[in-house]
Amino acid sequence: MRQQVVAGPLNEQEWCLLVGSAAASTKLRQLLPAFQRALTQSGAQVNAIRIKVQIPGR
């Protein structure tokens, strides 16, 4: 799944992740609570994570 996710911009404590498919987006949404908890524990000040599907070639 790592190949499907690209880090996007970080704006005012909101991080945007760009994914290459709807399936990857769905799986990532399931993992968001654990992912956000890990970020908080490591000291990152990210209050929200937004996921955008970005189809290559469009």
PDB file of N, CA and C in Angstrom:
ATOM      1  N   MET A   1       0.821  -1.192   0.000  1.00  0.00           N
ATOM      2  CA  MET A   1       0.000   0.000   0.000  1.00  0.00           C
ATOM      3  C   MET A   1       0.867   1.258   0.000  1.00  0.00           C
ATOM      4  N   ARG A   2       2.068   1.150   0.489  1.00  0.00           N
ATOM      5  CA  ARG A   2       2.953   2.310   0.562  1.00  0.00           C
ATOM      6  C   ARG A   2       3.162   2.955  -0.802  1.00  0.00           C
ATOM      7  N   GLN A   3       3.152   2.145  -1.868  1.00  0.00           N
ATOM      8  CA  GLN A   3       3.334   2.691  -3.213  1.00  0.00           C
ATOM      9  C   GLN A   3       2.142   3.530  -3.658  1.00  0.00           C
ATOM     10  N   GLN A   4       0.995   3.353  -3.025  1.00  0.00           N
ATOM     11  CA  GLN A   4      -0.231   4.061  -3.397  1.00  0.00           C
ATOM     12  C   GLN A   4      -0.389   5.414  -2.705  1.00  0.00           C
ATOM     13  N   VAL A   5       0.424   5.690  -1.677  1.00  0.00           N
ATOM     14  CA  VAL A   5       0.230   6.897  -0.858  1.00  0.00           C
ATOM     15  C   VAL A   5       1.391   7.864  -1.045  1.00  0.00           C
ATOM     16  N   VAL A   6       1.052   9.132  -1.277  1.00  0.00           N
ATOM     17  CA  VAL A   6       2.041  10.204  -1.391  1.00  0.00           C
ATOM     18  C   VAL A   6       1.666  11.292  -0.388  1.00  0.00           C
ATOM     19  N   ALA A   7       2.648  11.751   0.352  1.00  0.00           N
ATOM     20  CA  ALA A   7       2.394  12.819   1.321  1.00  0.00           C
ATOM     21  C   ALA A   7       2.086  14.108   0.579  1.00  0.00           C
ATOM     22  N   GLY A   8       0.999  14.731   0.947  1.00  0.00           N
ATOM     23  CA  GLY A   8       0.601  16.001   0.363  1.00  0.00           C
ATOM     24  C   GLY A   8       0.921  17.137   1.317  1.00  0.00           C
ATOM     25  N   PRO A   9       0.295  18.280   1.105  1.00  0.00           N
ATOM     26  CA  PRO A   9       0.608  19.461   1.915  1.00  0.00           C
ATOM     27  C   PRO A   9       0.104  19.358   3.360  1.00  0.00           C
ATOM     28  N   LEU A  10       0.787  20.062   4.227  1.00  0.00           N
ATOM     29  CA  LEU A  10       0.397  20.197   5.628  1.00  0.00           C
ATOM     30  C   LEU A  10      -0.011  21.643   5.831  1.00  0.00           C
ATOM     31  N   ASN A  11      -1.299  21.881   6.085  1.00  0.00           N
ATOM     32  CA  ASN A  11      -1.838  23.231   6.246  1.00  0.00           C
ATOM     33  C   ASN A  11      -2.526  23.365   7.596  1.00  0.00           C
ATOM     34  N   GLU A  12      -1.988  24.224   8.438  1.00  0.00           N
ATOM     35  CA  GLU A  12      -2.614  24.531   9.725  1.00  0.00           C
ATOM     36  C   GLU A  12      -3.079  23.288  10.473  1.00  0.00           C
ATOM     37  N   GLN A  13      -2.194  22.377  10.717  1.00  0.00           N
ATOM     38  CA  GLN A  13      -2.439  21.156  11.484  1.00  0.00           C
ATOM     39  C   GLN A  13      -3.359  20.169  10.768  1.00  0.00           C
ATOM     40  N   GLU A  14      -3.538  20.306   9.460  1.00  0.00           N
ATOM     41  CA  GLU A  14      -4.290  19.327   8.668  1.00  0.00           C
ATOM     42  C   GLU A  14      -3.357  18.812   7.578  1.00  0.00           C
ATOM     43  N   TRP A  15      -3.241  17.503   7.500  1.00  0.00           N
ATOM     44  CA  TRP A  15      -2.337  16.882   6.547  1.00  0.00           C
ATOM     45  C   TRP A  15      -3.155  16.205   5.470  1.00  0.00           C
ATOM     46  N   CYS A  16      -2.781  16.413   4.230  1.00  0.00           N
ATOM     47  CA  CYS A  16      -3.469  15.808   3.104  1.00  0.00           C
ATOM     48  C   CYS A  16      -2.610  14.674   2.564  1.00  0.00           C
ATOM     49  N   LEU A  17      -3.202  13.496   2.433  1.00  0.00           N
ATOM     50  CA  LEU A  17      -2.528  12.355   1.831  1.00  0.00           C
ATOM     51  C   LEU A  17      -3.162  12.083   0.478  1.00  0.00           C
ATOM     52  N   LEU A  18      -2.347  11.902  -0.532  1.00  0.00           N
ATOM     53  CA  LEU A  18      -2.820  11.629  -1.883  1.00  0.00           C
ATOM     54  C   LEU A  18      -2.665  10.136  -2.155  1.00  0.00           C
ATOM     55  N   VAL A  19      -3.743   9.497  -2.582  1.00  0.00           N
ATOM     56  CA  VAL A  19      -3.699   8.060  -2.850  1.00  0.00           C
ATOM     57  C   VAL A  19      -4.054   7.795  -4.308  1.00  0.00           C
ATOM     58  N   GLY A  20      -3.568   6.684  -4.829  1.00  0.00           N
ATOM     59  CA  GLY A  20      -3.718   6.385  -6.243  1.00  0.00           C
ATOM     60  C   GLY A  20      -4.953   5.608  -6.631  1.00  0.00           C
ATOM     61  N   SER A  21      -5.764   5.193  -5.665  1.00  0.00           N
ATOM     62  CA  SER A  21      -6.968   4.438  -6.018  1.00  0.00           C
ATOM     63  C   SER A  21      -8.003   4.539  -4.906  1.00  0.00           C
ATOM     64  N   ALA A  22      -9.231   4.262  -5.271  1.00  0.00           N
ATOM     65  CA  ALA A  22     -10.318   4.283  -4.282  1.00  0.00           C
ATOM     66  C   ALA A  22     -10.139   3.168  -3.258  1.00  0.00           C
ATOM     67  N   ALA A  23      -9.627   2.033  -3.698  1.00  0.00           N
ATOM     68  CA  ALA A  23      -9.405   0.913  -2.772  1.00  0.00           C
ATOM     69  C   ALA A  23      -8.363   1.281  -1.714  1.00  0.00           C
ATOM     70  N   ALA A  24      -7.292   1.928  -2.135  1.00  0.00           N
ATOM     71  CA  ALA A  24      -6.270   2.364  -1.183  1.00  0.00           C
ATOM     72  C   ALA A  24      -6.835   3.413  -0.229  1.00  0.00           C
ATOM     73  N   SER A  25      -7.694   4.278  -0.729  1.00  0.00           N
ATOM     74  CA  SER A  25      -8.337   5.290   0.104  1.00  0.00           C
ATOM     75  C   SER A  25      -9.191   4.635   1.191  1.00  0.00           C
ATOM     76  N   THR A  26      -9.950   3.635   0.814  1.00  0.00           N
ATOM     77  CA  THR A  26     -10.809   2.933   1.773  1.00  0.00           C
ATOM     78  C   THR A  26      -9.985   2.272   2.867  1.00  0.00           C
ATOM     79  N   LYS A  27      -8.922   1.593   2.488  1.00  0.00           N
ATOM     80  CA  LYS A  27      -8.069   0.918   3.469  1.00  0.00           C
ATOM     81  C   LYS A  27      -7.396   1.938   4.380  1.00  0.00           C
ATOM     82  N   LEU A  28      -6.926   3.035   3.809  1.00  0.00           N
ATOM     83  CA  LEU A  28      -6.268   4.066   4.603  1.00  0.00           C
ATOM     84  C   LEU A  28      -7.235   4.696   5.597  1.00  0.00           C
ATOM     85  N   ARG A  29      -8.476   4.899   5.187  1.00  0.00           N
ATOM     86  CA  ARG A  29      -9.488   5.455   6.105  1.00  0.00           C
ATOM     87  C   ARG A  29      -9.704   4.531   7.305  1.00  0.00           C
ATOM     88  N   GLN A  30      -9.606   3.228   7.090  1.00  0.00           N
ATOM     89  CA  GLN A  30      -9.736   2.273   8.199  1.00  0.00           C
ATOM     90  C   GLN A  30      -8.564   2.377   9.163  1.00  0.00           C
ATOM     91  N   LEU A  31      -7.402   2.742   8.647  1.00  0.00           N
ATOM     92  CA  LEU A  31      -6.197   2.832   9.470  1.00  0.00           C
ATOM     93  C   LEU A  31      -5.976   4.212  10.092  1.00  0.00           C
ATOM     94  N   LEU A  32      -6.792   5.194   9.726  1.00  0.00           N
ATOM     95  CA  LEU A  32      -6.581   6.569  10.191  1.00  0.00           C
ATOM     96  C   LEU A  32      -6.513   6.735  11.710  1.00  0.00           C
ATOM     97  N   PRO A  33      -7.397   6.120  12.498  1.00  0.00           N
ATOM     98  CA  PRO A  33      -7.291   6.331  13.953  1.00  0.00           C
ATOM     99  C   PRO A  33      -5.930   5.894  14.513  1.00  0.00           C
ATOM    100  N   ALA A  34      -5.439   4.748  14.093  1.00  0.00           N
ATOM    101  CA  ALA A  34      -4.137   4.272  14.581  1.00  0.00           C
ATOM    102  C   ALA A  34      -3.012   5.155  14.052  1.00  0.00           C
ATOM    103  N   PHE A  35      -3.122   5.578  12.812  1.00  0.00           N
ATOM    104  CA  PHE A  35      -2.115   6.429  12.197  1.00  0.00           C
ATOM    105  C   PHE A  35      -2.042   7.780  12.912  1.00  0.00           C
ATOM    106  N   GLN A  36      -3.184   8.368  13.183  1.00  0.00           N
ATOM    107  CA  GLN A  36      -3.215   9.666  13.860  1.00  0.00           C
ATOM    108  C   GLN A  36      -2.718   9.538  15.306  1.00  0.00           C
ATOM    109  N   ARG A  37      -3.040   8.439  15.952  1.00  0.00           N
ATOM    110  CA  ARG A  37      -2.561   8.206  17.318  1.00  0.00           C
ATOM    111  C   ARG A  37      -1.030   8.106  17.332  1.00  0.00           C
ATOM    112  N   ALA A  38      -0.460   7.395  16.363  1.00  0.00           N
ATOM    113  CA  ALA A  38       0.996   7.260  16.276  1.00  0.00           C
ATOM    114  C   ALA A  38       1.662   8.609  16.016  1.00  0.00           C
ATOM    115  N   LEU A  39       1.059   9.426  15.163  1.00  0.00           N
ATOM    116  CA  LEU A  39       1.601  10.763  14.899  1.00  0.00           C
ATOM    117  C   LEU A  39       1.593  11.618  16.160  1.00  0.00           C
ATOM    118  N   THR A  40       0.490  11.568  16.899  1.00  0.00           N
ATOM    119  CA  THR A  40       0.365  12.353  18.133  1.00  0.00           C
ATOM    120  C   THR A  40       1.392  11.901  19.167  1.00  0.00           C
ATOM    121  N   GLN A  41       1.575  10.582  19.293  1.00  0.00           N
ATOM    122  CA  GLN A  41       2.540  10.059  20.258  1.00  0.00           C
ATOM    123  C   GLN A  41       3.974  10.431  19.896  1.00  0.00           C
ATOM    124  N   SER A  42       4.232  10.619  18.602  1.00  0.00           N
ATOM    125  CA  SER A  42       5.585  10.983  18.184  1.00  0.00           C
ATOM    126  C   SER A  42       5.823  12.496  18.241  1.00  0.00           C
ATOM    127  N   GLY A  43       4.793  13.254  18.630  1.00  0.00           N
ATOM    128  CA  GLY A  43       4.953  14.688  18.807  1.00  0.00           C
ATOM    129  C   GLY A  43       4.480  15.542  17.643  1.00  0.00           C
ATOM    130  N   ALA A  44       3.955  14.929  16.600  1.00  0.00           N
ATOM    131  CA  ALA A  44       3.453  15.698  15.454  1.00  0.00           C
ATOM    132  C   ALA A  44       2.169  16.421  15.853  1.00  0.00           C
ATOM    133  N   GLN A  45       2.024  17.642  15.394  1.00  0.00           N
ATOM    134  CA  GLN A  45       0.829  18.410  15.716  1.00  0.00           C
ATOM    135  C   GLN A  45      -0.112  18.412  14.517  1.00  0.00           C
ATOM    136  N   VAL A  46      -0.690  17.256  14.252  1.00  0.00           N
ATOM    137  CA  VAL A  46      -1.633  17.085  13.158  1.00  0.00           C
ATOM    138  C   VAL A  46      -2.984  16.756  13.786  1.00  0.00           C
ATOM    139  N   ASN A  47      -3.949  17.663  13.608  1.00  0.00           N
ATOM    140  CA  ASN A  47      -5.273  17.450  14.185  1.00  0.00           C
ATOM    141  C   ASN A  47      -6.212  16.703  13.252  1.00  0.00           C
ATOM    142  N   ALA A  48      -5.939  16.764  11.959  1.00  0.00           N
ATOM    143  CA  ALA A  48      -6.815  16.112  10.983  1.00  0.00           C
ATOM    144  C   ALA A  48      -5.981  15.603   9.815  1.00  0.00           C
ATOM    145  N   ILE A  49      -6.428  14.501   9.252  1.00  0.00           N
ATOM    146  CA  ILE A  49      -5.801  13.943   8.060  1.00  0.00           C
ATOM    147  C   ILE A  49      -6.884  13.829   7.001  1.00  0.00           C
ATOM    148  N   ARG A  50      -6.613  14.432   5.859  1.00  0.00           N
ATOM    149  CA  ARG A  50      -7.554  14.406   4.737  1.00  0.00           C
ATOM    150  C   ARG A  50      -6.974  13.490   3.664  1.00  0.00           C
ATOM    151  N   ILE A  51      -7.825  12.706   3.042  1.00  0.00           N
ATOM    152  CA  ILE A  51      -7.386  11.778   2.003  1.00  0.00           C
ATOM    153  C   ILE A  51      -8.020  12.193   0.682  1.00  0.00           C
ATOM    154  N   LYS A  52      -7.179  12.310  -0.353  1.00  0.00           N
ATOM    155  CA  LYS A  52      -7.668  12.626  -1.678  1.00  0.00           C
ATOM    156  C   LYS A  52      -7.213  11.539  -2.638  1.00  0.00           C
ATOM    157  N   VAL A  53      -8.140  11.070  -3.466  1.00  0.00           N
ATOM    158  CA  VAL A  53      -7.797  10.103  -4.497  1.00  0.00           C
ATOM    159  C   VAL A  53      -7.306  10.890  -5.707  1.00  0.00           C
ATOM    160  N   GLN A  54      -6.110  10.580  -6.139  1.00  0.00           N
ATOM    161  CA  GLN A  54      -5.502  11.268  -7.273  1.00  0.00           C
ATOM    162  C   GLN A  54      -5.146  10.204  -8.309  1.00  0.00           C
ATOM    163  N   ILE A  55      -5.955  10.113  -9.352  1.00  0.00           N
ATOM    164  CA  ILE A  55      -5.764   9.129 -10.397  1.00  0.00           C
ATOM    165  C   ILE A  55      -4.600   9.568 -11.283  1.00  0.00           C
ATOM    166  N   PRO A  56      -3.571   8.713 -11.458  1.00  0.00           N
ATOM    167  CA  PRO A  56      -2.451   9.076 -12.332  1.00  0.00           C
ATOM    168  C   PRO A  56      -2.909   9.359 -13.766  1.00  0.00           C
ATOM    169  N   GLY A  57      -2.346  10.383 -14.362  1.00  0.00           N
ATOM    170  CA  GLY A  57      -2.692  10.723 -15.743  1.00  0.00           C
ATOM    171  C   GLY A  57      -3.867  11.652 -15.885  1.00  0.00           C
ATOM    172  N   ARG A  58      -4.441  12.099 -14.809  1.00  0.00           N
ATOM    173  CA  ARG A  58      -5.579  13.024 -14.869  1.00  0.00           C
ATOM    174  C   ARG A  58      -5.210  14.370 -14.341  1.00  0.00           C
TER     175      ARG A  58
END
